[in-house]
Amino acid sequence: MGKRKLLVDGWYYQVMGDEFGPIQTQRIIELAADGTIQRDTLVQLVESGEVHSWATADSVIPFEELTKAEPNLDEFFNAQSAANDGFFREFSGY
């Protein structure tokens, strides 16, 4: 894991020791849906300059919804708004 010179808001993730990001919420969902991000992948959210702790993807991404024919991701997207970051803290233990 390299150190970031500049923290930019968005999601970061690690695959085989390499760090990727920042990406937007919609993209992290797409990567989880296509298998790039798996349940045990480490993810981190940076928002408004606040750096959240690394957590496994299954603690913050609703994988069960992704397997449904018509997933309901409203709760996830609403929780990622600037007005409410409690979702990440609730599931990551931050």
Protein backbone atom coordinates (compact mmCIF):
# COMPACT_ATOMS: atom_id res chain seq x y z
CA MET A 1 0.00 0.00 0.00
CA GLY A 2 1.53 3.23 -1.12
CA LYS A 3 0.88 6.51 0.60
CA ARG A 4 -1.35 8.96 -1.20
CA LYS A 5 0.10 12.39 -1.76
CA LEU A 6 -3.33 13.98 -2.00
CA LEU A 7 -6.55 12.59 -0.54
CA VAL A 8 -9.34 12.89 -3.06
CA ASP A 9 -12.94 12.13 -2.12
CA GLY A 10 -14.21 8.78 -3.33
CA TRP A 11 -13.84 5.06 -2.79
CA TYR A 12 -10.49 3.26 -2.80
CA TYR A 13 -9.97 -0.50 -2.98
CA GLN A 14 -7.09 -2.96 -2.81
CA VAL A 15 -6.51 -5.96 -5.06
CA MET A 16 -3.43 -8.14 -4.54
CA GLY A 17 -1.69 -5.37 -2.60
CA ASP A 18 -2.31 -2.67 -5.21
CA GLU A 19 -4.53 0.29 -4.36
CA PHE A 20 -7.01 1.74 -6.82
CA GLY A 21 -9.18 4.84 -6.71
CA PRO A 22 -10.68 7.19 -6.19
CA ILE A 23 -13.86 5.96 -7.82
CA GLN A 24 -17.45 7.07 -7.39
CA THR A 25 -20.12 5.06 -5.57
CA GLN A 26 -21.79 3.89 -8.79
CA ARG A 27 -18.47 2.48 -10.04
CA ILE A 28 -17.74 0.56 -6.83
CA ILE A 29 -21.16 -1.08 -7.17
CA GLU A 30 -20.41 -1.99 -10.80
CA LEU A 31 -17.05 -3.51 -9.80
CA ALA A 32 -18.72 -5.52 -7.04
CA ALA A 33 -21.38 -6.72 -9.47
CA ASP A 34 -18.82 -7.88 -12.05
CA GLY A 35 -16.62 -9.62 -9.45
CA THR A 36 -13.64 -7.26 -9.55
CA ILE A 37 -14.42 -6.28 -5.97
CA GLN A 38 -15.24 -9.33 -3.89
CA ARG A 39 -16.61 -9.68 -0.37
CA ASP A 40 -13.13 -9.81 1.19
CA THR A 41 -11.68 -6.92 -0.86
CA LEU A 42 -10.55 -4.04 1.32
CA VAL A 43 -12.34 -0.76 0.59
CA GLN A 44 -12.02 2.72 2.04
CA LEU A 45 -14.15 5.83 1.75
CA VAL A 46 -12.75 9.35 1.76
CA GLU A 47 -15.35 12.09 1.97
CA SER A 48 -15.00 15.77 2.71
CA GLY A 49 -11.38 15.12 3.63
CA GLU A 50 -12.34 12.52 6.25
CA VAL A 51 -10.58 9.19 5.77
CA HIS A 52 -12.56 6.19 6.95
CA SER A 53 -10.83 3.00 8.07
CA TRP A 54 -10.26 0.19 5.59
CA ALA A 55 -13.05 -2.42 5.78
CA THR A 56 -13.99 -5.54 3.86
CA ALA A 57 -16.34 -4.83 0.99
CA ASP A 58 -19.04 -7.12 2.38
CA SER A 59 -19.33 -4.83 5.41
CA VAL A 60 -20.29 -1.82 3.28
CA ILE A 61 -21.60 -3.10 -0.07
CA PRO A 62 -25.00 -4.87 -0.20
CA PHE A 63 -23.82 -7.94 -2.16
CA GLU A 64 -27.16 -9.71 -1.57
CA GLU A 65 -28.94 -6.96 -3.51
CA LEU A 66 -26.50 -7.28 -6.41
CA THR A 67 -27.59 -10.87 -7.05
CA LYS A 68 -31.26 -9.94 -7.43
CA ALA A 69 -32.87 -9.45 -10.83
CA GLU A 70 -33.88 -5.93 -9.80
CA PRO A 71 -31.55 -4.82 -7.01
CA ASN A 72 -32.72 -2.07 -4.69
CA LEU A 73 -29.62 -0.03 -3.95
CA ASP A 74 -31.43 3.11 -2.76
CA GLU A 75 -30.38 2.60 0.86
CA PHE A 76 -26.74 2.22 -0.15
CA PHE A 77 -26.73 5.29 -2.40
CA ASN A 78 -28.67 7.40 0.09
CA ALA A 79 -26.25 6.41 2.84
CA GLN A 80 -23.33 7.63 0.74
CA SER A 81 -24.68 11.16 0.43
CA ALA A 82 -22.81 13.95 2.13
CA ALA A 83 -25.71 14.32 4.54
CA ASN A 84 -25.37 10.80 5.95
CA ASP A 85 -22.14 8.89 6.42
CA GLY A 86 -23.46 6.72 9.27
CA PHE A 87 -23.93 3.70 6.99
CA PHE A 88 -20.18 3.28 6.53
CA ARG A 89 -19.46 3.80 10.19
CA GLU A 90 -22.21 1.41 11.26
CA PHE A 91 -20.89 -1.46 9.16
CA SER A 92 -17.15 -0.81 9.30
CA GLY A 93 -16.95 -0.17 13.02
CA TYR A 94 -15.31 3.20 12.30
